[in-house]
């Protein structure tokens, strides 16, 4: 005996319930993943603090590069090729702070242009 077709309101209600169930499952998975990452980060931070306080040598850049290559390969991401003669650790340029103004003569007169806008 064939089953009777579902009424439109019943189908709509079922579709809504299915969507809510799916979204709750996805949210739960995302929350669990986020909590796992936070726990891993806390552990890494503790380990970093222990190494720093113990005076252990810092992680060599080659180990970091290897970890980055493994991460990219596992996710199918492109591998950037670094020049062979480049520094393994980039150096940030030193930026000098802006000089402080010594008088009001250095005032920015851009407001004058705003006040004298052509009509």
N, C-alpha and C. Protein backbone atom coordinates (compact mmCIF):
# COMPACT_ATOMS: atom_id res chain seq x y z
N UNK A 1 0.84 -1.16 0.00
CA UNK A 1 0.00 0.00 0.00
C UNK A 1 0.90 1.23 0.00
N UNK A 2 0.75 2.11 -1.02
CA UNK A 2 1.59 3.31 -1.09
C UNK A 2 1.25 4.26 0.05
N UNK A 3 2.30 4.92 0.55
CA UNK A 3 2.07 5.88 1.63
C UNK A 3 1.48 7.16 1.05
N UNK A 4 0.74 7.80 1.88
CA UNK A 4 0.07 9.03 1.46
C UNK A 4 1.08 10.16 1.38
N UNK A 5 0.97 11.03 0.35
CA UNK A 5 1.93 12.15 0.28
C UNK A 5 1.77 13.08 1.48
N UNK A 6 2.91 13.64 1.85
CA UNK A 6 2.94 14.54 3.00
C UNK A 6 2.31 15.88 2.62
N UNK A 7 1.57 16.46 3.52
CA UNK A 7 0.96 17.75 3.24
C UNK A 7 2.04 18.83 3.21
N UNK A 8 1.77 19.92 2.55
CA UNK A 8 2.74 21.02 2.42
C UNK A 8 3.15 21.58 3.77
N UNK A 9 2.18 21.84 4.69
CA UNK A 9 2.61 22.36 6.00
C UNK A 9 3.47 21.36 6.77
N UNK A 10 3.14 20.07 6.66
CA UNK A 10 3.93 19.05 7.37
C UNK A 10 5.32 18.96 6.77
N UNK A 11 5.44 19.03 5.44
CA UNK A 11 6.74 18.98 4.78
C UNK A 11 7.58 20.19 5.17
N UNK A 12 6.93 21.36 5.24
CA UNK A 12 7.63 22.58 5.63
C UNK A 12 8.15 22.47 7.06
N UNK A 13 7.32 21.96 7.95
CA UNK A 13 7.71 21.80 9.35
C UNK A 13 8.87 20.81 9.47
N UNK A 14 8.79 19.69 8.74
CA UNK A 14 9.85 18.68 8.79
C UNK A 14 11.16 19.26 8.24
N UNK A 15 11.08 20.01 7.14
CA UNK A 15 12.29 20.62 6.57
C UNK A 15 12.91 21.61 7.55
N UNK A 16 12.08 22.38 8.25
CA UNK A 16 12.59 23.32 9.25
C UNK A 16 13.26 22.60 10.40
N UNK A 17 12.65 21.52 10.86
CA UNK A 17 13.24 20.74 11.96
C UNK A 17 14.56 20.11 11.53
N UNK A 18 14.60 19.60 10.29
CA UNK A 18 15.85 19.03 9.77
C UNK A 18 16.96 20.08 9.71
N UNK A 19 16.60 21.28 9.29
CA UNK A 19 17.58 22.36 9.19
C UNK A 19 18.11 22.74 10.57
N UNK A 20 17.21 22.82 11.55
CA UNK A 20 17.62 23.17 12.91
C UNK A 20 18.53 22.08 13.48
N UNK A 21 18.16 20.82 13.25
CA UNK A 21 18.98 19.71 13.73
C UNK A 21 20.37 19.75 13.11
N UNK A 22 20.43 19.98 11.80
CA UNK A 22 21.70 20.05 11.10
C UNK A 22 22.54 21.21 11.63
N UNK A 23 21.92 22.38 11.81
CA UNK A 23 22.69 23.55 12.27
C UNK A 23 23.20 23.33 13.69
N UNK A 24 22.42 22.66 14.52
CA UNK A 24 22.89 22.38 15.88
C UNK A 24 24.07 21.43 15.86
N UNK A 25 24.02 20.43 14.97
CA UNK A 25 25.12 19.48 14.86
C UNK A 25 26.39 20.19 14.39
N UNK A 26 26.25 21.05 13.39
CA UNK A 26 27.41 21.79 12.87
C UNK A 26 27.97 22.72 13.94
N UNK A 27 27.09 23.41 14.66
CA UNK A 27 27.55 24.32 15.72
C UNK A 27 28.26 23.55 16.82
N UNK A 28 27.75 22.38 17.16
CA UNK A 28 28.37 21.56 18.19
C UNK A 28 29.76 21.11 17.75
N UNK A 29 29.88 20.69 16.51
CA UNK A 29 31.18 20.27 15.98
C UNK A 29 32.16 21.43 15.98
N UNK A 30 31.70 22.60 15.55
CA UNK A 30 32.58 23.78 15.52
C UNK A 30 33.00 24.18 16.93
N UNK A 31 32.09 24.10 17.87
CA UNK A 31 32.41 24.45 19.25
C UNK A 31 33.44 23.48 19.83
N UNK A 32 33.27 22.19 19.55
CA UNK A 32 34.23 21.19 20.03
C UNK A 32 35.60 21.42 19.40
N UNK A 33 35.63 21.72 18.12
CA UNK A 33 36.90 21.98 17.43
C UNK A 33 37.58 23.21 18.01
N UNK A 34 36.78 24.25 18.25
CA UNK A 34 37.33 25.49 18.81
C UNK A 34 37.89 25.24 20.20
N UNK A 35 37.16 24.49 21.01
CA UNK A 35 37.64 24.19 22.36
C UNK A 35 38.92 23.37 22.32
N UNK A 36 39.00 22.42 21.38
CA UNK A 36 40.22 21.61 21.24
C UNK A 36 41.41 22.50 20.85
N UNK A 37 41.18 23.44 19.93
CA UNK A 37 42.26 24.35 19.52
C UNK A 37 42.70 25.24 20.68
N UNK A 38 41.73 25.71 21.45
CA UNK A 38 42.08 26.55 22.60
C UNK A 38 42.93 25.77 23.60
N UNK A 39 42.55 24.51 23.83
CA UNK A 39 43.31 23.67 24.75
C UNK A 39 44.73 23.46 24.22
N UNK A 40 44.86 23.18 22.92
CA UNK A 40 46.19 23.01 22.33
C UNK A 40 47.00 24.29 22.46
N UNK A 41 46.37 25.43 22.22
CA UNK A 41 47.07 26.71 22.33
C UNK A 41 47.53 26.98 23.77
N UNK A 42 46.67 26.63 24.75
CA UNK A 42 47.08 26.81 26.15
C UNK A 42 48.30 25.95 26.46
N UNK A 43 48.29 24.71 25.96
CA UNK A 43 49.43 23.82 26.20
C UNK A 43 50.70 24.36 25.54
N UNK A 44 50.56 24.86 24.31
CA UNK A 44 51.72 25.43 23.62
C UNK A 44 52.25 26.65 24.36
N UNK A 45 51.35 27.47 24.88
CA UNK A 45 51.76 28.66 25.61
C UNK A 45 52.50 28.26 26.89
N UNK A 46 52.00 27.24 27.58
CA UNK A 46 52.69 26.77 28.78
C UNK A 46 54.07 26.24 28.43
N UNK A 47 54.16 25.46 27.36
CA UNK A 47 55.45 24.92 26.94
C UNK A 47 56.41 26.03 26.56
N UNK A 48 55.90 27.03 25.85
CA UNK A 48 56.73 28.17 25.48
C UNK A 48 57.26 28.88 26.73
N UNK A 49 56.38 29.08 27.71
CA UNK A 49 56.80 29.72 28.95
C UNK A 49 57.85 28.92 29.68
N UNK A 50 57.67 27.58 29.71
CA UNK A 50 58.66 26.74 30.38
C UNK A 50 60.01 26.81 29.67
N UNK A 51 59.99 26.77 28.34
CA UNK A 51 61.25 26.84 27.59
C UNK A 51 61.93 28.19 27.79
N UNK A 52 61.12 29.22 27.80
CA UNK A 52 61.68 30.57 27.94
C UNK A 52 62.31 30.75 29.31
N UNK A 53 61.63 30.26 30.36
CA UNK A 53 62.16 30.41 31.70
C UNK A 53 63.36 29.51 31.95
N UNK A 54 63.39 28.36 31.29
CA UNK A 54 64.51 27.43 31.51
C UNK A 54 65.75 27.84 30.73
N UNK A 55 65.60 28.77 29.81
CA UNK A 55 66.74 29.23 29.03
C UNK A 55 67.07 28.30 27.89
N UNK A 56 66.13 27.45 27.50
CA UNK A 56 66.36 26.53 26.39
C UNK A 56 66.51 27.31 25.09
N UNK A 57 67.21 26.71 24.16
CA UNK A 57 67.42 27.37 22.87
C UNK A 57 66.09 27.49 22.13
N UNK A 58 65.88 28.58 21.42
CA UNK A 58 64.64 28.74 20.67
C UNK A 58 64.56 27.72 19.53
N UNK A 59 63.35 27.51 19.04
CA UNK A 59 63.14 26.57 17.95
C UNK A 59 63.82 27.11 16.70
N UNK A 60 64.65 26.30 16.04
CA UNK A 60 65.34 26.80 14.85
C UNK A 60 64.36 27.07 13.71
N UNK A 61 64.65 28.06 12.87
CA UNK A 61 63.75 28.38 11.76
C UNK A 61 63.54 27.20 10.81
N UNK A 62 64.53 26.31 10.69
CA UNK A 62 64.36 25.17 9.79
C UNK A 62 63.26 24.25 10.29
N UNK A 63 63.10 24.11 11.60
CA UNK A 63 62.03 23.28 12.15
C UNK A 63 60.68 23.92 11.88
N UNK A 64 60.63 25.25 11.98
CA UNK A 64 59.38 25.94 11.69
C UNK A 64 59.03 25.81 10.22
N UNK A 65 60.02 25.90 9.36
CA UNK A 65 59.78 25.76 7.92
C UNK A 65 59.28 24.37 7.58
N UNK A 66 59.85 23.35 8.24
CA UNK A 66 59.42 21.98 8.01
C UNK A 66 57.98 21.78 8.45
N UNK A 67 57.64 22.37 9.59
CA UNK A 67 56.26 22.26 10.07
C UNK A 67 55.31 22.97 9.11
N UNK A 68 55.72 24.10 8.60
CA UNK A 68 54.87 24.84 7.65
C UNK A 68 54.70 24.05 6.36
N UNK A 69 55.78 23.42 5.89
CA UNK A 69 55.67 22.62 4.66
C UNK A 69 54.73 21.43 4.86
N UNK A 70 54.85 20.75 6.01
CA UNK A 70 53.96 19.61 6.29
C UNK A 70 52.50 20.05 6.37
N UNK A 71 52.27 21.20 7.02
CA UNK A 71 50.91 21.72 7.14
C UNK A 71 50.31 22.00 5.77
N UNK A 72 51.08 22.68 4.92
CA UNK A 72 50.59 23.03 3.58
C UNK A 72 50.37 21.78 2.74
N UNK A 73 51.28 20.81 2.82
CA UNK A 73 51.14 19.59 2.03
C UNK A 73 49.92 18.80 2.47
N UNK A 74 49.66 18.75 3.77
CA UNK A 74 48.51 18.00 4.28
C UNK A 74 47.19 18.60 3.82
N UNK A 75 47.17 19.90 3.56
CA UNK A 75 45.93 20.57 3.17
C UNK A 75 45.87 20.89 1.68
N UNK A 76 46.90 20.45 0.95
CA UNK A 76 46.90 20.67 -0.49
C UNK A 76 47.10 22.13 -0.89
N UNK A 77 47.75 22.89 -0.03
CA UNK A 77 48.00 24.31 -0.32
C UNK A 77 49.26 24.46 -1.15
N UNK A 78 49.37 25.55 -1.91
CA UNK A 78 50.57 25.74 -2.72
C UNK A 78 51.80 25.97 -1.83
N UNK A 79 52.92 25.51 -2.30
CA UNK A 79 54.17 25.67 -1.57
C UNK A 79 54.95 26.83 -2.16
N UNK A 80 55.08 27.94 -1.42
CA UNK A 80 55.88 29.05 -1.95
C UNK A 80 57.35 28.67 -1.95
N UNK A 81 58.04 29.06 -3.00
CA UNK A 81 59.47 28.75 -3.07
C UNK A 81 60.25 29.97 -2.60
N UNK A 82 61.07 29.76 -1.61
CA UNK A 82 61.88 30.84 -1.06
C UNK A 82 63.23 30.84 -1.76
N UNK A 83 63.80 32.00 -2.03
CA UNK A 83 65.14 32.05 -2.62
C UNK A 83 66.14 31.39 -1.69
N UNK A 84 67.11 30.71 -2.25
CA UNK A 84 68.09 29.97 -1.46
C UNK A 84 69.01 30.88 -0.66
N UNK A 85 69.25 32.08 -1.16
CA UNK A 85 70.18 32.97 -0.46
C UNK A 85 69.47 33.93 0.49
N UNK A 86 68.19 33.74 0.70
CA UNK A 86 67.44 34.64 1.58
C UNK A 86 67.70 34.30 3.04
N UNK A 87 67.52 35.30 3.89
CA UNK A 87 67.64 35.06 5.33
C UNK A 87 66.51 34.14 5.77
N UNK A 88 66.79 33.18 6.64
CA UNK A 88 65.72 32.29 7.09
C UNK A 88 64.68 33.02 7.93
N UNK A 89 65.10 34.05 8.65
CA UNK A 89 64.17 34.81 9.48
C UNK A 89 64.16 36.25 8.97
N UNK A 90 63.00 36.72 8.50
CA UNK A 90 62.97 38.11 8.01
C UNK A 90 63.18 39.09 9.15
N UNK A 91 63.85 40.17 8.83
CA UNK A 91 64.13 41.21 9.82
C UNK A 91 63.19 42.38 9.56
N UNK A 92 62.53 42.81 10.62
CA UNK A 92 61.62 43.95 10.49
C UNK A 92 62.44 45.24 10.48
N UNK A 93 62.14 46.13 9.55
CA UNK A 93 62.90 47.39 9.52
C UNK A 93 62.56 48.25 10.74
N UNK A 94 63.54 48.96 11.20
CA UNK A 94 63.34 49.83 12.34
C UNK A 94 62.64 51.10 11.88
N UNK A 95 61.53 51.42 12.49
CA UNK A 95 60.78 52.61 12.14
C UNK A 95 60.99 53.62 13.25
N UNK A 96 61.46 54.79 12.84
CA UNK A 96 61.68 55.82 13.85
C UNK A 96 60.34 56.49 14.18
N UNK A 97 60.14 56.84 15.43
CA UNK A 97 58.88 57.51 15.79
C UNK A 97 58.80 58.88 15.15
N UNK A 98 57.57 59.31 14.93
CA UNK A 98 57.39 60.64 14.32
C UNK A 98 57.91 61.71 15.28
N UNK A 99 58.55 62.71 14.72
CA UNK A 99 59.02 63.80 15.60
C UNK A 99 57.83 64.56 16.18
N UNK A 100 57.99 65.00 17.40
CA UNK A 100 56.91 65.75 18.03
C UNK A 100 56.92 67.18 17.51
N UNK A 101 55.74 67.75 17.45
CA UNK A 101 55.65 69.14 17.00
C UNK A 101 56.16 70.06 18.09
N UNK A 102 56.94 71.03 17.66
CA UNK A 102 57.51 71.95 18.64
C UNK A 102 56.72 73.25 18.73
N UNK A 103 55.95 73.56 17.70
CA UNK A 103 55.18 74.80 17.75
C UNK A 103 53.91 74.63 16.93
N UNK A 104 53.05 75.64 17.02
CA UNK A 104 51.81 75.62 16.25
C UNK A 104 52.04 75.97 14.79
N UNK A 105 53.24 76.36 14.43
CA UNK A 105 53.53 76.69 13.04
C UNK A 105 53.50 75.47 12.15
N UNK A 106 53.65 74.31 12.74
CA UNK A 106 53.59 73.07 11.98
C UNK A 106 52.16 72.59 11.76
N UNK A 107 51.20 73.41 12.12
CA UNK A 107 49.78 73.06 12.04
C UNK A 107 49.40 72.65 10.62
N UNK A 108 48.57 71.66 10.52
CA UNK A 108 48.09 71.19 9.22
C UNK A 108 46.98 72.13 8.75
N UNK A 109 47.16 72.70 7.56
CA UNK A 109 46.19 73.66 7.06
C UNK A 109 45.20 73.04 6.08
N UNK A 110 45.01 71.73 6.15
CA UNK A 110 44.07 71.09 5.24
C UNK A 110 42.64 71.55 5.52
N UNK A 111 42.35 72.02 6.73
CA UNK A 111 41.02 72.50 7.03
C UNK A 111 40.72 73.78 6.24
N UNK A 112 41.76 74.55 5.90
CA UNK A 112 41.55 75.75 5.10
C UNK A 112 40.96 75.38 3.75
N UNK A 113 41.44 74.28 3.15
CA UNK A 113 40.90 73.85 1.86
C UNK A 113 39.43 73.47 2.00
N UNK A 114 39.09 72.86 3.11
CA UNK A 114 37.70 72.45 3.32
C UNK A 114 36.81 73.69 3.47
N UNK A 115 37.30 74.69 4.17
CA UNK A 115 36.52 75.90 4.41
C UNK A 115 36.35 76.71 3.13
N UNK A 116 37.29 76.62 2.20
CA UNK A 116 37.25 77.42 0.97
C UNK A 116 36.83 76.60 -0.24
N UNK A 117 35.96 75.64 -0.04
CA UNK A 117 35.49 74.81 -1.14
C UNK A 117 34.70 75.65 -2.14
N UNK A 118 34.95 75.45 -3.45
CA UNK A 118 34.16 76.22 -4.43
C UNK A 118 32.70 75.78 -4.39
N UNK A 119 31.82 76.72 -4.63
CA UNK A 119 30.38 76.41 -4.60
C UNK A 119 29.91 75.79 -5.86
